[in-house]
């Protein structure tokens, strides 16, 4: 019997995420031939869905595999709020070590305890930066009063409230509309997302704050995955691991290309000096203190050295 595998995302076919899905499918098809039938929905928003809908599409088996920023699950899996904390990681290398190690494994267990997924790894959404249509942002004082779209995360909402902005929790589809119509002032994303969704055409000012590092869990419909023969389960795990390495490499180039695209569109890029960056970290310091009490030593030890460093 042919096993149906339906993979979906919420970006154009040209993005690293979509190309990574295709890499998974090509590998499985080459290995199993007619035993599998792989199909893709590159961007569910093209079909009238919201970006967040990919969560229930996989949970209920309409899609076999999907990815989504972990922040979208924090209401159901509170532990994920830990990795939403601002300035949690000081480098990509530190972040990847945590997400690929004990921290990522613990988060995967927490997700699987509450949602009918199998978590096979994490794509990299990377460090996020601020863009806006109003003025250059050098310090938190420059954010005062600006409305900014944030992911559906209480932690992220609190972060920008402390920074002086007016956070608005919006799904990506709503955010794109609000940005294009000018009903919100700012947003935060990796540069590659800012360009992928055309935000740079409406926002002139970009500040490289690196305030959040966000991963995108790769989740499968648990009942489907668990019913597969062992060789296909193992092959999917190996294919996902390979796709993660591929996607992360692509992401690094996408960030470079996006910076060039922003500059070519007339965008201004601010790279905060060390004292300016420290002002952002200092403004959200109360959250890190709260995190020590909320999550406890067991979870914080999983982050590694440097937690809350300024």
Foldseek 3Di string as FASTA:
>chain_A
DAAEAEEEAAFDCPALVNVLVVLLVVLLCVVPPRNYDYDYHYRCVVVVDFRLVVQVCQLVPVHFKYKDWCQSCCVQQVVSLVQQAWPQDDDPVLVCCLCVDDLVVVSQVSCVVRTQWRWLGWAWQFFKWKFWAPDADQALVVQAAFEEEDANHPNVCVLNVLSRHHYDHDTPVVVLVCLVVVVGTMYMGQLLVCVRSPSLLRTQYIERLSTHTIIMTMIGRNVSLVPDPPVVNVSSSVSSVVSRVSSVVSVVVSSVVSVVVSVVSNHDYHYHDPVRSVNSLVSSLVVLVVCCVPVHDVSSVSSPPDGSPD
